[in-house]
Amino acid sequence: MSDLGHVLILAGGLSAEREVSLRSGHRLRDALQEAGVEAEVADADAGLIAALSTDPPSAVFPAIHGAYGEDGSIQEILALLGVPFVGATADACRFAFDKPVAKAVARAAGLATPASVTLPKETFHDLGAAAVLERIVATLGLPLFVKPARGGSALGASRVTTAADLPGAMISCFAYGDTALVEQCVVGTEVAVGVIDLGEGPQPLPAVEIVPPASGYDYAARYTAGQTRFFTPARLPEPEAATAAAAAVTAHRALGLRDLSRTDLIISGGRPFFLEVNVAPGMTETSTLPMAIAAAGRALGLVCRDLLSAAASRGN
């Protein structure tokens, strides 16, 4: 058995990604048990602070997706309580969770990103939606990809191929957030590249190639087994695989992340385009990070055990 002692996995939360988070938490608990670590899954609710204060765990593994779990909130609470945790600090989470900010940081670090505009819902109301949308299409062209500036699991995200589809995509986006990120839709190979740091600096994992159904890589395609095809390692020429790996490490470092992350990229013309980064990657059976860990010849439970041990050793 591990000498970690009391380990807590935080899963659930109140975001639209709650069910996915619970699946991640339960799979993570099972993987840790296989590695000899007794871990408990707990929700982030009104009783959490009292529970952490009464019986402080050796370390916490946050597996809450979306707001509260990835925007720095839960990390701030854990730091206030002096509880060690796996993953990025609250400040780094805030930068990474805001997609336009993360894109700006990635660009400053030398990474390519799709051309985009970021606009709050109020802009469309105040300046006239039709005029704003017309200018977006004239500037960025088609196709476009619309998604909330903050959030994950493709909730509120959609691909737009005609100008007539853009208003509906904006409405769907604003159902999940008050600010929209509208990007040029770069055509290429979609990959997810995980990064882990087990004490020797951030190391890239094999890229996972994502081939979604014709309807796109939406929520159902991400979390329904069999809807999306995954290739690990990605079917990329070695030079492209190397540039994708380097891009993920660059994003991880530039955003000040630690322990683990997952960067989503489009490889187009041999060049990686940064889309976004995730500080609490999914751990479900269709999530790409566990696939990448397995492709690297590692066991998910052992990797997560080592991340917890590192967190416990450093404090928060």
C-alpha atoms as a PDB file:
ATOM      1  CA  MET A   1       0.000   0.000   0.000  1.00  0.00           C
ATOM      2  CA  SER A   2       1.042   3.608  -0.556  1.00  0.00           C
ATOM      3  CA  ASP A   3       2.306   5.694   2.361  1.00  0.00           C
ATOM      4  CA  LEU A   4       0.371   8.721   1.133  1.00  0.00           C
ATOM      5  CA  GLY A   5      -2.273   8.340   3.790  1.00  0.00           C
ATOM      6  CA  HIS A   6      -5.557  10.196   3.390  1.00  0.00           C
ATOM      7  CA  VAL A   7      -6.049  11.212  -0.260  1.00  0.00           C
ATOM      8  CA  LEU A   8      -9.067  13.109  -1.548  1.00  0.00           C
ATOM      9  CA  ILE A   9     -10.347  13.399  -5.116  1.00  0.00           C
ATOM     10  CA  LEU A  10     -12.610  16.381  -5.714  1.00  0.00           C
ATOM     11  CA  ALA A  11     -15.250  15.667  -8.358  1.00  0.00           C
ATOM     12  CA  GLY A  12     -18.686  16.914  -9.267  1.00  0.00           C
ATOM     13  CA  GLY A  13     -19.187  20.613  -8.674  1.00  0.00           C
ATOM     14  CA  LEU A  14     -22.055  22.686 -10.003  1.00  0.00           C
ATOM     15  CA  SER A  15     -20.981  23.433 -13.581  1.00  0.00           C
ATOM     16  CA  ALA A  16     -22.580  21.949 -16.680  1.00  0.00           C
ATOM     17  CA  GLU A  17     -19.703  19.451 -16.717  1.00  0.00           C
ATOM     18  CA  ARG A  18     -20.676  17.889 -13.383  1.00  0.00           C
ATOM     19  CA  GLU A  19     -21.495  14.421 -14.731  1.00  0.00           C
ATOM     20  CA  VAL A  20     -18.229  14.196 -16.656  1.00  0.00           C
ATOM     21  CA  SER A  21     -16.345  15.301 -13.555  1.00  0.00           C
ATOM     22  CA  LEU A  22     -17.948  12.560 -11.483  1.00  0.00           C
ATOM     23  CA  ARG A  23     -16.956   9.984 -14.086  1.00  0.00           C
ATOM     24  CA  SER A  24     -13.407  11.302 -14.021  1.00  0.00           C
ATOM     25  CA  GLY A  25     -13.300  11.189 -10.236  1.00  0.00           C
ATOM     26  CA  HIS A  26     -14.556   7.635  -9.965  1.00  0.00           C
ATOM     27  CA  ARG A  27     -12.187   6.357 -12.635  1.00  0.00           C
ATOM     28  CA  LEU A  28      -9.302   8.136 -10.947  1.00  0.00           C
ATOM     29  CA  ARG A  29     -10.249   6.582  -7.586  1.00  0.00           C
ATOM     30  CA  ASP A  30     -10.281   3.101  -9.141  1.00  0.00           C
ATOM     31  CA  ALA A  31      -6.926   3.666 -10.855  1.00  0.00           C
ATOM     32  CA  LEU A  32      -5.354   4.879  -7.607  1.00  0.00           C
ATOM     33  CA  GLN A  33      -6.708   1.865  -5.744  1.00  0.00           C
ATOM     34  CA  GLU A  34      -4.979  -0.379  -8.291  1.00  0.00           C
ATOM     35  CA  ALA A  35      -1.781   1.518  -7.484  1.00  0.00           C
ATOM     36  CA  GLY A  36      -2.231   0.892  -3.765  1.00  0.00           C
ATOM     37  CA  VAL A  37      -3.657   4.290  -2.842  1.00  0.00           C
ATOM     38  CA  GLU A  38      -6.881   4.499  -0.854  1.00  0.00           C
ATOM     39  CA  ALA A  39      -8.624   7.576  -2.193  1.00  0.00           C
ATOM     40  CA  GLU A  40     -12.019   9.046  -1.397  1.00  0.00           C
ATOM     41  CA  VAL A  41     -14.174  10.983  -3.860  1.00  0.00           C
ATOM     42  CA  ALA A  42     -15.777  14.113  -2.429  1.00  0.00           C
ATOM     43  CA  ASP A  43     -17.974  16.794  -3.947  1.00  0.00           C
ATOM     44  CA  ALA A  44     -17.237  20.489  -3.677  1.00  0.00           C
ATOM     45  CA  ASP A  45     -20.187  21.557  -1.572  1.00  0.00           C
ATOM     46  CA  ALA A  46     -20.957  23.541   1.567  1.00  0.00           C
ATOM     47  CA  GLY A  47     -19.423  20.859   3.775  1.00  0.00           C
ATOM     48  CA  LEU A  48     -16.065  20.728   2.015  1.00  0.00           C
ATOM     49  CA  ILE A  49     -14.184  23.356   4.027  1.00  0.00           C
ATOM     50  CA  ALA A  50     -15.273  21.862   7.338  1.00  0.00           C
ATOM     51  CA  ALA A  51     -14.287  18.390   6.175  1.00  0.00           C
ATOM     52  CA  LEU A  52     -10.865  19.535   4.983  1.00  0.00           C
ATOM     53  CA  SER A  53     -10.263  21.432   8.212  1.00  0.00           C
ATOM     54  CA  THR A  54     -11.346  18.575  10.467  1.00  0.00           C
ATOM     55  CA  ASP A  55      -9.493  15.811   8.660  1.00  0.00           C
ATOM     56  CA  PRO A  56      -6.875  17.364   6.349  1.00  0.00           C
ATOM     57  CA  PRO A  57      -5.845  14.995   3.553  1.00  0.00           C
ATOM     58  CA  SER A  58      -2.230  14.359   2.637  1.00  0.00           C
ATOM     59  CA  ALA A  59      -3.041  15.710  -0.819  1.00  0.00           C
ATOM     60  CA  VAL A  60      -6.026  16.508  -3.030  1.00  0.00           C
ATOM     61  CA  PHE A  61      -6.483  15.650  -6.689  1.00  0.00           C
ATOM     62  CA  PRO A  62      -8.953  18.135  -8.234  1.00  0.00           C
ATOM     63  CA  ALA A  63     -11.022  16.504 -10.968  1.00  0.00           C
ATOM     64  CA  ILE A  64     -13.718  19.162 -11.192  1.00  0.00           C
ATOM     65  CA  HIS A  65     -14.204  20.344 -14.764  1.00  0.00           C
ATOM     66  CA  GLY A  66     -15.431  23.726 -15.902  1.00  0.00           C
ATOM     67  CA  ALA A  67     -15.967  26.771 -13.728  1.00  0.00           C
ATOM     68  CA  TYR A  68     -14.981  26.435 -10.076  1.00  0.00           C
ATOM     69  CA  GLY A  69     -12.727  23.476 -10.791  1.00  0.00           C
ATOM     70  CA  GLU A  70     -10.565  25.035 -13.494  1.00  0.00           C
ATOM     71  CA  ASP A  71     -10.961  28.785 -13.006  1.00  0.00           C
ATOM     72  CA  GLY A  72      -8.763  28.887  -9.911  1.00  0.00           C
ATOM     73  CA  SER A  73     -11.584  28.982  -7.346  1.00  0.00           C
ATOM     74  CA  ILE A  74     -11.103  25.565  -5.766  1.00  0.00           C
ATOM     75  CA  GLN A  75      -7.324  25.958  -5.957  1.00  0.00           C
ATOM     76  CA  GLU A  76      -7.601  29.239  -4.048  1.00  0.00           C
ATOM     77  CA  ILE A  77      -9.652  27.541  -1.317  1.00  0.00           C
ATOM     78  CA  LEU A  78      -7.186  24.673  -1.018  1.00  0.00           C
ATOM     79  CA  ALA A  79      -4.318  27.139  -0.738  1.00  0.00           C
ATOM     80  CA  LEU A  80      -6.156  29.106   1.948  1.00  0.00           C
ATOM     81  CA  LEU A  81      -6.579  25.906   3.930  1.00  0.00           C
ATOM     82  CA  GLY A  82      -2.960  24.883   3.440  1.00  0.00           C
ATOM     83  CA  VAL A  83      -3.974  21.646   1.721  1.00  0.00           C
ATOM     84  CA  PRO A  84      -1.522  20.316  -0.921  1.00  0.00           C
ATOM     85  CA  PHE A  85      -3.076  19.658  -4.306  1.00  0.00           C
ATOM     86  CA  VAL A  86      -2.168  18.371  -7.746  1.00  0.00           C
ATOM     87  CA  GLY A  87      -2.197  20.833 -10.608  1.00  0.00           C
ATOM     88  CA  ALA A  88      -1.720  24.483 -11.372  1.00  0.00           C
ATOM     89  CA  THR A  89      -1.914  27.308  -8.877  1.00  0.00           C
ATOM     90  CA  ALA A  90      -4.998  29.500  -8.734  1.00  0.00           C
ATOM     91  CA  ASP A  91      -3.353  32.307 -10.716  1.00  0.00           C
ATOM     92  CA  ALA A  92      -2.223  29.967 -13.497  1.00  0.00           C
ATOM     93  CA  CYS A  93      -5.665  28.349 -13.648  1.00  0.00           C
ATOM     94  CA  ARG A  94      -7.296  31.738 -14.161  1.00  0.00           C
ATOM     95  CA  PHE A  95      -5.062  32.500 -17.149  1.00  0.00           C
ATOM     96  CA  ALA A  96      -5.509  29.068 -18.714  1.00  0.00           C
ATOM     97  CA  PHE A  97      -9.267  28.878 -18.194  1.00  0.00           C
ATOM     98  CA  ASP A  98      -9.897  32.124 -20.070  1.00  0.00           C
ATOM     99  CA  LYS A  99      -9.431  31.012 -23.682  1.00  0.00           C
ATOM    100  CA  PRO A 100      -8.716  34.462 -25.188  1.00  0.00           C
ATOM    101  CA  VAL A 101      -6.139  35.143 -22.462  1.00  0.00           C
ATOM    102  CA  ALA A 102      -4.548  31.727 -22.968  1.00  0.00           C
ATOM    103  CA  LYS A 103      -4.385  32.385 -26.723  1.00  0.00           C
ATOM    104  CA  ALA A 104      -2.649  35.709 -26.102  1.00  0.00           C
ATOM    105  CA  VAL A 105      -0.099  34.074 -23.794  1.00  0.00           C
ATOM    106  CA  ALA A 106       0.485  31.299 -26.346  1.00  0.00           C
ATOM    107  CA  ARG A 107       1.018  33.829 -29.136  1.00  0.00           C
ATOM    108  CA  ALA A 108       3.473  35.767 -26.987  1.00  0.00           C
ATOM    109  CA  ALA A 109       5.374  32.493 -26.485  1.00  0.00           C
ATOM    110  CA  GLY A 110       5.663  32.049 -30.252  1.00  0.00           C
ATOM    111  CA  LEU A 111       2.796  29.647 -30.922  1.00  0.00           C
ATOM    112  CA  ALA A 112       0.407  30.063 -33.836  1.00  0.00           C
ATOM    113  CA  THR A 113      -3.269  30.495 -32.998  1.00  0.00           C
ATOM    114  CA  PRO A 114      -6.308  30.834 -35.279  1.00  0.00           C
ATOM    115  CA  ALA A 115      -7.311  34.429 -35.983  1.00  0.00           C
ATOM    116  CA  SER A 116     -10.220  35.337 -33.742  1.00  0.00           C
ATOM    117  CA  VAL A 117     -12.406  37.971 -32.130  1.00  0.00           C
ATOM    118  CA  THR A 118     -13.696  37.984 -28.552  1.00  0.00           C
ATOM    119  CA  LEU A 119     -16.925  39.833 -27.836  1.00  0.00           C
ATOM    120  CA  PRO A 120     -19.320  39.980 -24.878  1.00  0.00           C
ATOM    121  CA  LYS A 121     -23.018  39.488 -25.370  1.00  0.00           C
ATOM    122  CA  GLU A 122     -23.681  43.155 -24.609  1.00  0.00           C
ATOM    123  CA  THR A 123     -21.788  44.211 -27.734  1.00  0.00           C
ATOM    124  CA  PHE A 124     -24.321  42.499 -29.968  1.00  0.00           C
ATOM    125  CA  HIS A 125     -27.178  44.121 -28.095  1.00  0.00           C
ATOM    126  CA  ASP A 126     -25.674  47.612 -28.065  1.00  0.00           C
ATOM    127  CA  LEU A 127     -24.242  47.757 -31.592  1.00  0.00           C
ATOM    128  CA  GLY A 128     -26.712  45.569 -33.436  1.00  0.00           C
ATOM    129  CA  ALA A 129     -26.189  41.857 -33.863  1.00  0.00           C
ATOM    130  CA  ALA A 130     -26.581  41.810 -37.646  1.00  0.00           C
ATOM    131  CA  ALA A 131     -23.923  44.471 -38.209  1.00  0.00           C
ATOM    132  CA  VAL A 132     -21.447  42.851 -35.815  1.00  0.00           C
ATOM    133  CA  LEU A 133     -21.916  39.380 -37.299  1.00  0.00           C
ATOM    134  CA  GLU A 134     -21.563  40.704 -40.835  1.00  0.00           C
ATOM    135  CA  ARG A 135     -18.256  42.335 -39.921  1.00  0.00           C
ATOM    136  CA  ILE A 136     -17.000  39.134 -38.244  1.00  0.00           C
ATOM    137  CA  VAL A 137     -17.643  37.109 -41.398  1.00  0.00           C
ATOM    138  CA  ALA A 138     -16.080  39.795 -43.603  1.00  0.00           C
ATOM    139  CA  THR A 139     -12.953  39.861 -41.434  1.00  0.00           C
ATOM    140  CA  LEU A 140     -12.431  36.209 -40.511  1.00  0.00           C
ATOM    141  CA  GLY A 141     -14.155  34.490 -43.420  1.00  0.00           C
ATOM    142  CA  LEU A 142     -15.793  31.072 -43.254  1.00  0.00           C
ATOM    143  CA  PRO A 143     -15.863  28.476 -41.792  1.00  0.00           C
ATOM    144  CA  LEU A 144     -15.767  29.700 -38.211  1.00  0.00           C
ATOM    145  CA  PHE A 145     -15.747  28.076 -34.798  1.00  0.00           C
ATOM    146  CA  VAL A 146     -17.785  29.684 -32.019  1.00  0.00           C
ATOM    147  CA  LYS A 147     -17.336  28.806 -28.350  1.00  0.00           C
ATOM    148  CA  PRO A 148     -17.708  30.363 -24.913  1.00  0.00           C
ATOM    149  CA  ALA A 149     -14.591  32.203 -23.777  1.00  0.00           C
ATOM    150  CA  ARG A 150     -14.638  30.166 -20.573  1.00  0.00           C
ATOM    151  CA  GLY A 151     -15.753  26.562 -20.198  1.00  0.00           C
ATOM    152  CA  GLY A 152     -15.101  23.125 -21.635  1.00  0.00           C
ATOM    153  CA  SER A 153     -16.473  19.845 -22.979  1.00  0.00           C
ATOM    154  CA  ALA A 154     -17.547  21.689 -26.169  1.00  0.00           C
ATOM    155  CA  LEU A 155     -20.646  22.966 -24.387  1.00  0.00           C
ATOM    156  CA  GLY A 156     -22.023  25.905 -26.362  1.00  0.00           C
ATOM    157  CA  ALA A 157     -19.454  25.364 -29.110  1.00  0.00           C
ATOM    158  CA  SER A 158     -20.291  24.923 -32.776  1.00  0.00           C
ATOM    159  CA  ARG A 159     -18.759  25.007 -36.245  1.00  0.00           C
ATOM    160  CA  VAL A 160     -20.260  27.554 -38.634  1.00  0.00           C
ATOM    161  CA  THR A 161     -20.038  27.012 -42.385  1.00  0.00           C
ATOM    162  CA  THR A 162     -22.481  29.662 -43.627  1.00  0.00           C
ATOM    163  CA  ALA A 163     -23.236  33.194 -42.490  1.00  0.00           C
ATOM    164  CA  ALA A 164     -26.856  32.167 -41.947  1.00  0.00           C
ATOM    165  CA  ASP A 165     -25.744  29.695 -39.254  1.00  0.00           C
ATOM    166  CA  LEU A 166     -23.796  32.250 -37.231  1.00  0.00           C
ATOM    167  CA  PRO A 167     -26.689  33.841 -35.279  1.00  0.00           C
ATOM    168  CA  GLY A 168     -27.823  30.441 -34.008  1.00  0.00           C
ATOM    169  CA  ALA A 169     -24.277  29.533 -33.020  1.00  0.00           C
ATOM    170  CA  MET A 170     -23.976  32.757 -31.047  1.00  0.00           C
ATOM    171  CA  ILE A 171     -27.227  32.074 -29.197  1.00  0.00           C
ATOM    172  CA  SER A 172     -26.014  28.581 -28.312  1.00  0.00           C
ATOM    173  CA  CYS A 173     -22.705  29.999 -27.128  1.00  0.00           C
ATOM    174  CA  PHE A 174     -24.292  32.659 -24.930  1.00  0.00           C
ATOM    175  CA  ALA A 175     -26.369  29.988 -23.210  1.00  0.00           C
ATOM    176  CA  TYR A 176     -23.115  28.877 -21.557  1.00  0.00           C
ATOM    177  CA  GLY A 177     -21.297  32.164 -21.052  1.00  0.00           C
ATOM    178  CA  ASP A 178     -21.517  35.906 -21.527  1.00  0.00           C
ATOM    179  CA  THR A 179     -18.492  36.209 -23.821  1.00  0.00           C
ATOM    180  CA  ALA A 180     -17.954  34.491 -27.165  1.00  0.00           C
ATOM    181  CA  LEU A 181     -14.692  33.526 -28.826  1.00  0.00           C
ATOM    182  CA  VAL A 182     -15.117  33.338 -32.611  1.00  0.00           C
ATOM    183  CA  GLU A 183     -12.176  31.766 -34.420  1.00  0.00           C
ATOM    184  CA  GLN A 184     -11.226  30.971 -37.972  1.00  0.00           C
ATOM    185  CA  CYS A 185     -11.778  27.252 -38.392  1.00  0.00           C
ATOM    186  CA  VAL A 186      -8.332  25.923 -39.268  1.00  0.00           C
ATOM    187  CA  VAL A 187      -8.575  22.702 -41.264  1.00  0.00           C
ATOM    188  CA  GLY A 188      -6.172  19.957 -40.333  1.00  0.00           C
ATOM    189  CA  THR A 189      -5.546  17.097 -37.921  1.00  0.00           C
ATOM    190  CA  GLU A 190      -6.952  17.632 -34.446  1.00  0.00           C
ATOM    191  CA  VAL A 191      -4.716  16.364 -31.653  1.00  0.00           C
ATOM    192  CA  ALA A 192      -4.578  16.537 -27.881  1.00  0.00           C
ATOM    193  CA  VAL A 193      -1.142  16.521 -26.291  1.00  0.00           C
ATOM    194  CA  GLY A 194      -0.832  15.783 -22.608  1.00  0.00           C
ATOM    195  CA  VAL A 195       2.040  17.030 -20.472  1.00  0.00           C
ATOM    196  CA  ILE A 196       3.091  15.566 -17.123  1.00  0.00           C
ATOM    197  CA  ASP A 197       5.821  16.597 -14.720  1.00  0.00           C
ATOM    198  CA  LEU A 198       6.992  13.890 -12.333  1.00  0.00           C
ATOM    199  CA  GLY A 199       9.928  15.888 -11.048  1.00  0.00           C
ATOM    200  CA  GLU A 200      12.114  16.176 -14.131  1.00  0.00           C
ATOM    201  CA  GLY A 201      10.309  19.074 -15.776  1.00  0.00           C
ATOM    202  CA  PRO A 202       7.266  18.972 -18.070  1.00  0.00           C
ATOM    203  CA  GLN A 203       7.377  16.048 -20.485  1.00  0.00           C
ATOM    204  CA  PRO A 204       5.027  15.581 -23.459  1.00  0.00           C
ATOM    205  CA  LEU A 205       3.004  12.424 -23.829  1.00  0.00           C
ATOM    206  CA  PRO A 206       2.225  10.871 -27.214  1.00  0.00           C
ATOM    207  CA  ALA A 207      -0.272  12.991 -29.147  1.00  0.00           C
ATOM    208  CA  VAL A 208      -3.793  11.602 -29.436  1.00  0.00           C
ATOM    209  CA  GLU A 209      -5.414  12.127 -32.830  1.00  0.00           C
ATOM    210  CA  ILE A 210      -9.138  12.864 -32.674  1.00  0.00           C
ATOM    211  CA  VAL A 211     -11.389  11.855 -35.574  1.00  0.00           C
ATOM    212  CA  PRO A 212     -14.936  12.875 -34.624  1.00  0.00           C
ATOM    213  CA  PRO A 213     -18.142  11.921 -36.432  1.00  0.00           C
ATOM    214  CA  ALA A 214     -19.477  14.136 -39.207  1.00  0.00           C
ATOM    215  CA  SER A 215     -21.523  16.069 -36.644  1.00  0.00           C
ATOM    216  CA  GLY A 216     -18.310  17.279 -34.979  1.00  0.00           C
ATOM    217  CA  TYR A 217     -16.487  16.788 -31.687  1.00  0.00           C
ATOM    218  CA  ASP A 218     -19.376  17.889 -29.491  1.00  0.00           C
ATOM    219  CA  TYR A 219     -20.290  16.824 -25.956  1.00  0.00           C
ATOM    220  CA  ALA A 220     -21.831  13.527 -27.070  1.00  0.00           C
ATOM    221  CA  ALA A 221     -18.909  12.714 -29.369  1.00  0.00           C
ATOM    222  CA  ARG A 222     -16.471  13.335 -26.508  1.00  0.00           C
ATOM    223  CA  TYR A 223     -18.132  11.179 -23.888  1.00  0.00           C
ATOM    224  CA  THR A 224     -20.079   8.480 -25.742  1.00  0.00           C
ATOM    225  CA  ALA A 225     -17.887   5.468 -26.413  1.00  0.00           C
ATOM    226  CA  GLY A 226     -17.616   4.620 -30.096  1.00  0.00           C
ATOM    227  CA  GLN A 227     -18.748   7.939 -31.540  1.00  0.00           C
ATOM    228  CA  THR A 228     -15.219   9.306 -32.011  1.00  0.00           C
ATOM    229  CA  ARG A 229     -12.150   7.472 -33.246  1.00  0.00           C
ATOM    230  CA  PHE A 230      -8.869   8.053 -31.446  1.00  0.00           C
ATOM    231  CA  PHE A 231      -5.380   7.185 -32.664  1.00  0.00           C
ATOM    232  CA  THR A 232      -2.579   7.044 -30.122  1.00  0.00           C
ATOM    233  CA  PRO A 233       0.001   7.954 -31.071  1.00  0.00           C
ATOM    234  CA  ALA A 234      -1.447  10.327 -33.642  1.00  0.00           C
ATOM    235  CA  ARG A 235      -0.862   9.465 -37.289  1.00  0.00           C
ATOM    236  CA  LEU A 236       1.568  12.315 -37.814  1.00  0.00           C
ATOM    237  CA  PRO A 237       4.953  12.374 -39.524  1.00  0.00           C
ATOM    238  CA  GLU A 238       7.709  12.458 -36.927  1.00  0.00           C
ATOM    239  CA  PRO A 239       8.576  16.144 -37.508  1.00  0.00           C
ATOM    240  CA  GLU A 240       4.935  17.160 -36.982  1.00  0.00           C
ATOM    241  CA  ALA A 241       4.631  14.979 -33.885  1.00  0.00           C
ATOM    242  CA  ALA A 242       7.743  16.649 -32.495  1.00  0.00           C
ATOM    243  CA  THR A 243       6.415  20.170 -33.143  1.00  0.00           C
ATOM    244  CA  ALA A 244       3.089  19.274 -31.527  1.00  0.00           C
ATOM    245  CA  ALA A 245       4.883  17.959 -28.447  1.00  0.00           C
ATOM    246  CA  ALA A 246       7.041  21.077 -28.265  1.00  0.00           C
ATOM    247  CA  ALA A 247       3.963  23.318 -28.606  1.00  0.00           C
ATOM    248  CA  ALA A 248       2.232  21.600 -25.680  1.00  0.00           C
ATOM    249  CA  VAL A 249       5.291  21.994 -23.456  1.00  0.00           C
ATOM    250  CA  THR A 250       5.629  25.627 -24.525  1.00  0.00           C
ATOM    251  CA  ALA A 251       1.986  26.316 -23.602  1.00  0.00           C
ATOM    252  CA  HIS A 252       2.402  24.511 -20.279  1.00  0.00           C
ATOM    253  CA  ARG A 253       5.461  26.577 -19.389  1.00  0.00           C
ATOM    254  CA  ALA A 254       4.174  29.904 -20.733  1.00  0.00           C
ATOM    255  CA  LEU A 255       0.982  29.658 -18.713  1.00  0.00           C
ATOM    256  CA  GLY A 256       2.866  28.715 -15.552  1.00  0.00           C
ATOM    257  CA  LEU A 257       1.178  25.337 -15.197  1.00  0.00           C
ATOM    258  CA  ARG A 258       2.455  22.447 -13.123  1.00  0.00           C
ATOM    259  CA  ASP A 259       2.035  18.687 -12.737  1.00  0.00           C
ATOM    260  CA  LEU A 260      -0.243  18.008 -15.709  1.00  0.00           C
ATOM    261  CA  SER A 261      -2.095  19.662 -18.546  1.00  0.00           C
ATOM    262  CA  ARG A 262      -3.616  18.895 -21.936  1.00  0.00           C
ATOM    263  CA  THR A 263      -3.198  21.174 -24.927  1.00  0.00           C
ATOM    264  CA  ASP A 264      -5.554  20.992 -27.897  1.00  0.00           C
ATOM    265  CA  LEU A 265      -4.007  21.694 -31.290  1.00  0.00           C
ATOM    266  CA  ILE A 266      -4.819  21.621 -34.994  1.00  0.00           C
ATOM    267  CA  ILE A 267      -1.937  20.512 -37.202  1.00  0.00           C
ATOM    268  CA  SER A 268      -2.314  22.306 -40.529  1.00  0.00           C
ATOM    269  CA  GLY A 269       0.363  22.459 -43.201  1.00  0.00           C
ATOM    270  CA  GLY A 270       2.776  20.827 -40.781  1.00  0.00           C
ATOM    271  CA  ARG A 271       2.276  23.634 -38.259  1.00  0.00           C
ATOM    272  CA  PRO A 272       0.567  23.323 -34.847  1.00  0.00           C
ATOM    273  CA  PHE A 273      -2.147  25.872 -34.090  1.00  0.00           C
ATOM    274  CA  PHE A 274      -2.895  26.333 -30.388  1.00  0.00           C
ATOM    275  CA  LEU A 275      -6.609  26.132 -29.533  1.00  0.00           C
ATOM    276  CA  GLU A 276      -6.765  25.884 -25.746  1.00  0.00           C
ATOM    277  CA  VAL A 277      -5.259  24.219 -22.705  1.00  0.00           C
ATOM    278  CA  ASN A 278      -6.924  22.240 -19.938  1.00  0.00           C
ATOM    279  CA  VAL A 279      -5.587  22.272 -16.362  1.00  0.00           C
ATOM    280  CA  ALA A 280      -7.857  19.470 -15.111  1.00  0.00           C
ATOM    281  CA  PRO A 281      -7.967  17.017 -18.025  1.00  0.00           C
ATOM    282  CA  GLY A 282     -10.765  14.480 -18.134  1.00  0.00           C
ATOM    283  CA  MET A 283     -10.072  11.005 -16.803  1.00  0.00           C
ATOM    284  CA  THR A 284     -13.072   9.204 -18.314  1.00  0.00           C
ATOM    285  CA  GLU A 285     -12.828   6.154 -20.550  1.00  0.00           C
ATOM    286  CA  THR A 286     -13.031   8.426 -23.624  1.00  0.00           C
ATOM    287  CA  SER A 287     -10.676  11.131 -22.319  1.00  0.00           C
ATOM    288  CA  THR A 288      -7.424  11.615 -24.180  1.00  0.00           C
ATOM    289  CA  LEU A 289      -4.999  12.041 -21.267  1.00  0.00           C
ATOM    290  CA  PRO A 290      -5.401   8.464 -19.947  1.00  0.00           C
ATOM    291  CA  MET A 291      -5.004   7.219 -23.536  1.00  0.00           C
ATOM    292  CA  ALA A 292      -1.769   9.146 -23.866  1.00  0.00           C
ATOM    293  CA  ILE A 293      -0.464   7.889 -20.516  1.00  0.00           C
ATOM    294  CA  ALA A 294      -1.157   4.298 -21.610  1.00  0.00           C
ATOM    295  CA  ALA A 295       0.526   4.926 -24.984  1.00  0.00           C
ATOM    296  CA  ALA A 296       3.607   6.128 -23.105  1.00  0.00           C
ATOM    297  CA  GLY A 297       3.770   2.749 -21.352  1.00  0.00           C
ATOM    298  CA  ARG A 298       2.651   4.115 -17.998  1.00  0.00           C
ATOM    299  CA  ALA A 299      -0.206   3.170 -15.687  1.00  0.00           C
ATOM    300  CA  LEU A 300      -2.725   5.908 -14.921  1.00  0.00           C
ATOM    301  CA  GLY A 301      -2.862   5.054 -11.232  1.00  0.00           C
ATOM    302  CA  LEU A 302       0.911   5.098 -10.798  1.00  0.00           C
ATOM    303  CA  VAL A 303       1.253   8.445 -12.582  1.00  0.00           C
ATOM    304  CA  CYS A 304      -1.471  10.001 -10.452  1.00  0.00           C
ATOM    305  CA  ARG A 305       0.017   8.460  -7.297  1.00  0.00           C
ATOM    306  CA  ASP A 306       3.355  10.070  -8.111  1.00  0.00           C
ATOM    307  CA  LEU A 307       1.683  13.429  -8.789  1.00  0.00           C
ATOM    308  CA  LEU A 308      -0.051  13.227  -5.406  1.00  0.00           C
ATOM    309  CA  SER A 309       3.225  12.336  -3.694  1.00  0.00           C
ATOM    310  CA  ALA A 310       4.936  15.303  -5.297  1.00  0.00           C
ATOM    311  CA  ALA A 311       2.100  17.601  -4.185  1.00  0.00           C
ATOM    312  CA  ALA A 312       2.237  16.276  -0.629  1.00  0.00           C
ATOM    313  CA  SER A 313       5.996  16.823  -0.531  1.00  0.00           C
ATOM    314  CA  ARG A 314       5.932  20.417  -1.739  1.00  0.00           C
ATOM    315  CA  GLY A 315       2.841  21.563   0.197  1.00  0.00           C
ATOM    316  CA  ASN A 316       0.586  23.891  -1.775  1.00  0.00           C
END
